[in-house]
Amino acid sequence: MSVLNEALDIHDENPVLARALLERIVFSELEEKDKNSFIWLVNHVVGEALADWAGAFALLIANKSEYSEAYFKSLSVAAYYSGNPLHAFIAEFEYARLANASLAETKVLVGLLCLQFMRSDEPIMSLLTLLSGYSSSPSLPLNLVIGKSMAAALNNTVSKLIEDSRLQVDDPFHKQVTIDAALLCKQLWLQCGTWINHERSLYLCALVFNRFSEWGPAIEVIKEAVKVIETNGSEEVDKAFLLLEYGKAQQGLGNLEHAQQKLDEADQIAKDFDPPLYQWFSEQRAKVVSPE
């Protein structure tokens, strides 16, 4: 196993070791796709997990990838977070040039990426206020490269947000901002991504709607997601998780028999999962209270 693959395998469980492995890698010897993985991992591990943005910035500066959009995108984020705004501005210009995108689009993208990495101890209203502003900025259609990156950043931000205990389900602003961001994510993936991206963005919308007890809209996007799967191929893993949310929404509506039917369907699919995936499914399944 390569040093990079080892770092990728253990980065969540042991970010300190992952960082040490990253620092051993000879960047110039990596394949292009591996360079992109290295660049992503630097910000994710050194910047986000270890909260050392100065270290992330230094590691990226030391391993420049002159013609890589991914490099300048990540460098701009590390530069902002480490207090190097001039480097951030330069990186934004380089990214815009390489991606054939406008500087305005690039700045919205970088802002969304910075939100994605915002520390959990920052006030949630700061995150929501900024997310509201950025979510209203993009005007479709967008540059394809920018659109994909924005969609991914929104997906990650919203996924973290709905797991945040500080998110208040009875606060209209919290609700509207989160739903709007999820819906924008869906629009972007529909325009710029694959059918799997689209289907998974519908799953994200279902998670958000269920978080705010919007049971009817949750069911509608789940039905749409299942239809997308059935129209394009087979994605049984995703379908099982969609059915969990379907069951949860039906419980919310008081349709306990229908809820149990959906949960049973999910259980039937999941019985063929490998152990790590089945464990993850079981953890999510346990969050759905089965009807008596």
Protein backbone atom coordinates (compact mmCIF):
# COMPACT_ATOMS: atom_id res chain seq x y z
CA MET A 1 0.00 0.00 0.00
CA SER A 2 1.29 3.46 -0.89
CA VAL A 3 1.91 6.05 1.82
CA LEU A 4 -0.92 8.18 0.41
CA ASN A 5 -3.39 5.31 0.46
CA GLU A 6 -2.39 4.52 4.02
CA ALA A 7 -3.08 8.13 4.98
CA LEU A 8 -6.45 8.00 3.22
CA ASP A 9 -7.37 4.80 5.05
CA ILE A 10 -6.61 6.05 8.56
CA HIS A 11 -7.17 9.80 8.38
CA ASP A 12 -10.50 9.80 10.24
CA GLU A 13 -9.36 7.52 13.06
CA ASN A 14 -5.83 8.90 13.39
CA PRO A 15 -5.36 12.35 11.83
CA VAL A 16 -2.02 12.84 13.63
CA LEU A 17 -0.56 9.79 11.90
CA ALA A 18 -2.19 10.79 8.61
CA ARG A 19 -0.43 14.14 8.82
CA ALA A 20 2.91 12.47 9.48
CA LEU A 21 2.36 10.28 6.43
CA LEU A 22 1.46 13.28 4.26
CA GLU A 23 4.69 14.99 5.28
CA ARG A 24 6.66 11.94 4.08
CA ILE A 25 5.18 11.96 0.59
CA VAL A 26 7.22 13.19 -2.36
CA PHE A 27 4.50 15.16 -4.08
CA SER A 28 6.23 15.44 -7.46
CA GLU A 29 6.28 11.65 -7.80
CA LEU A 30 2.50 11.25 -7.43
CA GLU A 31 0.11 10.57 -10.31
CA GLU A 32 -2.20 13.47 -11.12
CA LYS A 33 -5.26 11.91 -9.45
CA ASP A 34 -3.18 11.13 -6.38
CA LYS A 35 -1.98 14.73 -6.26
CA ASN A 36 -5.62 15.81 -6.01
CA SER A 37 -6.18 13.35 -3.16
CA PHE A 38 -3.10 14.68 -1.37
CA ILE A 39 -4.29 18.29 -1.76
CA TRP A 40 -7.76 17.46 -0.43
CA LEU A 41 -6.33 15.49 2.48
CA VAL A 42 -4.04 18.32 3.58
CA ASN A 43 -6.95 20.67 4.24
CA HIS A 44 -9.19 17.96 5.63
CA VAL A 45 -6.63 16.53 8.05
CA VAL A 46 -4.17 19.29 8.90
CA GLY A 47 -6.58 22.20 8.61
CA GLU A 48 -9.96 20.83 9.64
CA ALA A 49 -9.24 17.85 11.90
CA LEU A 50 -6.08 19.18 13.59
CA ALA A 51 -7.04 22.88 13.41
CA ASP A 52 -3.59 23.80 12.11
CA TRP A 53 -4.34 25.93 9.07
CA ALA A 54 -0.89 27.49 9.15
CA GLY A 55 0.51 23.96 8.81
CA ALA A 56 -1.92 23.15 5.98
CA PHE A 57 -0.95 26.34 4.16
CA ALA A 58 2.76 25.61 4.56
CA LEU A 59 2.36 22.04 3.30
CA LEU A 60 0.45 23.21 0.23
CA ILE A 61 2.94 25.99 -0.52
CA ALA A 62 5.73 23.41 -0.31
CA ASN A 63 3.96 21.13 -2.80
CA LYS A 64 2.76 23.43 -5.55
CA SER A 65 0.73 22.04 -8.43
CA GLU A 66 0.98 24.81 -10.99
CA TYR A 67 -1.78 23.73 -13.39
CA SER A 68 -4.24 22.22 -10.93
CA GLU A 69 -7.62 23.82 -10.23
CA ALA A 70 -7.93 21.66 -7.10
CA TYR A 71 -4.62 22.98 -5.79
CA PHE A 72 -5.48 26.67 -6.04
CA LYS A 73 -8.98 26.07 -4.68
CA SER A 74 -7.58 24.37 -1.58
CA LEU A 75 -4.72 26.84 -1.26
CA SER A 76 -7.14 29.78 -1.17
CA VAL A 77 -9.04 28.22 1.74
CA ALA A 78 -5.87 27.41 3.69
CA ALA A 79 -4.55 30.90 3.01
CA TYR A 80 -7.69 32.60 4.33
CA TYR A 81 -7.82 30.45 7.45
CA SER A 82 -4.10 30.87 8.17
CA GLY A 83 -4.18 34.66 7.84
CA ASN A 84 -2.53 34.96 4.42
CA PRO A 85 -5.13 36.93 2.43
CA LEU A 86 -2.74 38.05 -0.33
CA HIS A 87 -1.96 34.41 -1.13
CA ALA A 88 -5.70 33.70 -1.04
CA PHE A 89 -6.40 36.43 -3.60
CA ILE A 90 -3.65 35.17 -5.91
CA ALA A 91 -4.93 31.58 -5.59
CA GLU A 92 -8.46 32.72 -6.48
CA PHE A 93 -7.20 34.45 -9.63
CA GLU A 94 -5.27 31.33 -10.63
CA TYR A 95 -8.27 29.08 -9.98
CA ALA A 96 -10.59 31.33 -12.00
CA ARG A 97 -8.12 31.30 -14.90
CA LEU A 98 -7.64 27.53 -14.89
CA ALA A 99 -11.34 26.77 -14.43
CA ASN A 100 -12.37 29.36 -17.04
CA ALA A 101 -14.66 30.86 -14.41
CA SER A 102 -15.44 34.40 -13.32
CA LEU A 103 -13.74 35.79 -10.25
CA ALA A 104 -17.20 36.42 -8.72
CA GLU A 105 -18.14 32.74 -9.08
CA THR A 106 -14.77 31.74 -7.68
CA LYS A 107 -15.17 33.91 -4.60
CA VAL A 108 -18.60 32.41 -3.87
CA LEU A 109 -17.12 28.93 -4.21
CA VAL A 110 -14.19 29.70 -1.90
CA GLY A 111 -16.60 31.23 0.62
CA LEU A 112 -18.67 28.04 0.60
CA LEU A 113 -15.54 25.95 1.03
CA CYS A 114 -14.51 28.08 4.00
CA LEU A 115 -17.95 27.55 5.53
CA GLN A 116 -17.52 23.81 5.06
CA PHE A 117 -14.43 23.94 7.28
CA MET A 118 -15.82 26.35 9.89
CA ARG A 119 -15.01 25.24 13.45
CA SER A 120 -17.84 23.75 15.49
CA ASP A 121 -17.25 26.27 18.27
CA GLU A 122 -18.10 29.21 16.01
CA PRO A 123 -21.59 30.68 16.68
CA ILE A 124 -24.16 28.82 14.63
CA MET A 125 -25.84 32.09 13.66
CA SER A 126 -22.62 33.15 11.94
CA LEU A 127 -22.67 29.97 9.88
CA LEU A 128 -26.37 30.31 9.04
CA THR A 129 -26.11 33.99 8.13
CA LEU A 130 -23.17 33.38 5.81
CA LEU A 131 -24.79 30.27 4.34
CA SER A 132 -27.93 32.28 3.63
CA GLY A 133 -25.91 34.91 1.78
CA TYR A 134 -23.88 32.46 -0.25
CA SER A 135 -26.91 30.32 -1.09
CA SER A 136 -28.64 33.31 -2.66
CA SER A 137 -25.57 34.32 -4.71
CA PRO A 138 -25.24 31.67 -7.44
CA SER A 139 -27.32 32.25 -10.55
CA LEU A 140 -27.82 29.20 -12.74
CA PRO A 141 -26.44 28.11 -15.13
CA LEU A 142 -22.92 28.09 -13.73
CA ASN A 143 -19.56 27.04 -15.03
CA LEU A 144 -19.64 23.23 -14.79
CA VAL A 145 -16.45 22.94 -12.72
CA ILE A 146 -17.63 25.66 -10.31
CA GLY A 147 -21.10 24.12 -10.07
CA LYS A 148 -19.77 20.70 -9.05
CA SER A 149 -17.49 22.18 -6.41
CA MET A 150 -20.28 24.39 -5.02
CA ALA A 151 -22.64 21.43 -4.87
CA ALA A 152 -20.08 19.32 -2.99
CA ALA A 153 -19.35 22.15 -0.53
CA LEU A 154 -23.05 22.73 0.11
CA ASN A 155 -23.62 19.00 0.56
CA ASN A 156 -20.88 18.76 3.18
CA THR A 157 -21.97 21.92 4.99
CA VAL A 158 -25.64 20.97 5.18
CA SER A 159 -24.79 17.40 6.23
CA LYS A 160 -22.77 18.74 9.17
CA LEU A 161 -25.38 21.35 10.00
CA ILE A 162 -28.28 18.91 10.42
CA GLU A 163 -26.16 16.91 12.87
CA ASP A 164 -25.45 20.04 14.93
CA SER A 165 -27.38 20.00 18.21
CA ARG A 166 -27.52 23.79 18.13
CA LEU A 167 -29.73 23.79 15.04
CA GLN A 168 -33.17 24.83 16.31
CA VAL A 169 -35.99 23.08 14.51
CA ASP A 170 -38.55 25.59 15.74
CA ASP A 171 -36.60 28.64 14.55
CA PRO A 172 -37.91 29.88 11.17
CA PHE A 173 -34.52 31.30 10.14
CA HIS A 174 -32.65 28.09 10.96
CA LYS A 175 -35.25 26.13 9.03
CA GLN A 176 -35.39 28.34 5.95
CA VAL A 177 -31.63 28.68 5.53
CA THR A 178 -31.02 24.94 5.88
CA ILE A 179 -33.81 23.97 3.49
CA ASP A 180 -32.79 26.60 0.93
CA ALA A 181 -29.17 25.39 1.01
CA ALA A 182 -30.25 21.77 0.50
CA LEU A 183 -32.51 22.72 -2.40
CA LEU A 184 -29.72 24.73 -4.04
CA CYS A 185 -27.43 21.73 -3.64
CA LYS A 186 -30.05 19.64 -5.44
CA GLN A 187 -30.31 22.15 -8.28
CA LEU A 188 -26.56 22.29 -8.72
CA TRP A 189 -26.12 18.52 -8.79
CA LEU A 190 -29.01 18.18 -11.24
CA GLN A 191 -27.33 20.64 -13.58
CA CYS A 192 -23.67 19.73 -13.07
CA GLY A 193 -23.48 16.18 -11.73
CA THR A 194 -24.41 12.60 -12.53
CA TRP A 195 -27.71 10.89 -11.81
CA ILE A 196 -26.14 9.45 -8.65
CA ASN A 197 -25.20 12.95 -7.50
CA HIS A 198 -28.79 14.02 -8.18
CA GLU A 199 -30.28 11.08 -6.33
CA ARG A 200 -28.03 11.63 -3.32
CA SER A 201 -28.89 15.32 -3.24
CA LEU A 202 -32.54 14.29 -2.96
CA TYR A 203 -31.55 12.09 -0.02
CA LEU A 204 -29.93 15.12 1.59
CA CYS A 205 -33.18 17.05 1.09
CA ALA A 206 -35.07 14.19 2.74
CA LEU A 207 -32.74 14.32 5.75
CA VAL A 208 -33.27 18.07 6.03
CA PHE A 209 -37.05 17.88 5.68
CA ASN A 210 -37.25 15.12 8.29
CA ARG A 211 -35.00 17.14 10.62
CA PHE A 212 -37.62 19.89 10.57
CA SER A 213 -40.62 17.49 10.70
CA GLU A 214 -41.62 18.39 7.15
CA TRP A 215 -42.87 14.86 6.55
CA GLY A 216 -44.80 15.44 3.31
CA PRO A 217 -41.95 17.14 1.42
CA ALA A 218 -39.58 14.45 2.70
CA ILE A 219 -41.73 11.72 1.18
CA GLU A 220 -41.94 13.58 -2.13
CA VAL A 221 -38.17 13.89 -2.55
CA ILE A 222 -37.67 10.27 -1.47
CA LYS A 223 -40.12 9.09 -4.12
CA GLU A 224 -38.28 11.21 -6.67
CA ALA A 225 -34.94 9.75 -5.61
CA VAL A 226 -36.20 6.16 -5.88
CA LYS A 227 -37.56 6.97 -9.35
CA VAL A 228 -34.17 8.36 -10.39
CA ILE A 229 -32.51 5.12 -9.25
CA GLU A 230 -35.02 2.88 -11.00
CA THR A 231 -34.76 4.90 -14.21
CA ASN A 232 -30.98 4.87 -14.40
CA GLY A 233 -29.78 1.61 -12.92
CA SER A 234 -29.33 0.03 -9.53
CA GLU A 235 -28.15 1.62 -6.29
CA GLU A 236 -29.42 -0.67 -3.55
CA VAL A 237 -27.31 0.86 -0.78
CA ASP A 238 -28.73 4.31 -1.39
CA LYS A 239 -32.23 2.88 -1.69
CA ALA A 240 -31.97 1.25 1.74
CA PHE A 241 -31.05 4.54 3.37
CA LEU A 242 -33.81 6.34 1.48
CA LEU A 243 -36.29 3.79 2.82
CA LEU A 244 -35.16 4.53 6.37
CA GLU A 245 -36.05 8.18 5.86
CA TYR A 246 -39.31 7.13 4.19
CA GLY A 247 -40.18 5.11 7.29
CA LYS A 248 -39.30 8.02 9.55
CA ALA A 249 -41.51 10.40 7.57
CA GLN A 250 -44.42 7.96 7.63
CA GLN A 251 -44.03 7.64 11.39
CA GLY A 252 -44.15 11.41 11.63
CA LEU A 253 -47.43 11.38 9.77
CA GLY A 254 -48.78 8.67 12.06
CA ASN A 255 -48.87 6.02 9.33
CA LEU A 256 -47.27 3.34 11.46
CA GLU A 257 -48.14 0.35 9.30
CA HIS A 258 -46.76 1.98 6.18
CA ALA A 259 -43.69 3.09 8.15
CA GLN A 260 -42.97 -0.48 9.25
CA GLN A 261 -43.33 -1.69 5.68
CA LYS A 262 -40.64 0.73 4.50
CA LEU A 263 -38.35 -0.17 7.37
CA ASP A 264 -38.79 -3.87 6.59
CA GLU A 265 -37.88 -3.20 2.95
CA ALA A 266 -34.74 -1.39 4.09
CA ASP A 267 -33.81 -4.26 6.43
CA GLN A 268 -34.25 -6.75 3.61
CA ILE A 269 -31.82 -4.88 1.37
CA ALA A 270 -29.31 -4.30 4.18
CA LYS A 271 -28.98 -7.97 5.10
CA ASP A 272 -26.59 -8.36 2.14
CA PHE A 273 -24.33 -5.47 3.16
CA ASP A 274 -20.74 -6.13 4.19
CA PRO A 275 -20.07 -5.77 7.95
CA PRO A 276 -18.80 -2.14 8.00
CA LEU A 277 -21.67 -0.93 5.85
CA TYR A 278 -24.20 -2.95 7.81
CA GLN A 279 -22.92 -1.41 11.03
CA TRP A 280 -23.42 2.08 9.59
CA PHE A 281 -26.91 1.11 8.41
CA SER A 282 -27.74 -0.28 11.85
CA GLU A 283 -26.65 2.95 13.50
CA GLN A 284 -28.93 4.95 11.23
CA ARG A 285 -31.71 2.38 11.61
CA ALA A 286 -31.56 2.72 15.38
CA LYS A 287 -32.36 6.43 15.07
CA VAL A 288 -35.73 5.53 13.58
CA VAL A 289 -38.03 4.42 16.40
CA SER A 290 -39.84 1.31 15.21
CA PRO A 291 -43.60 1.34 15.80
CA GLU A 292 -44.93 -1.08 18.38
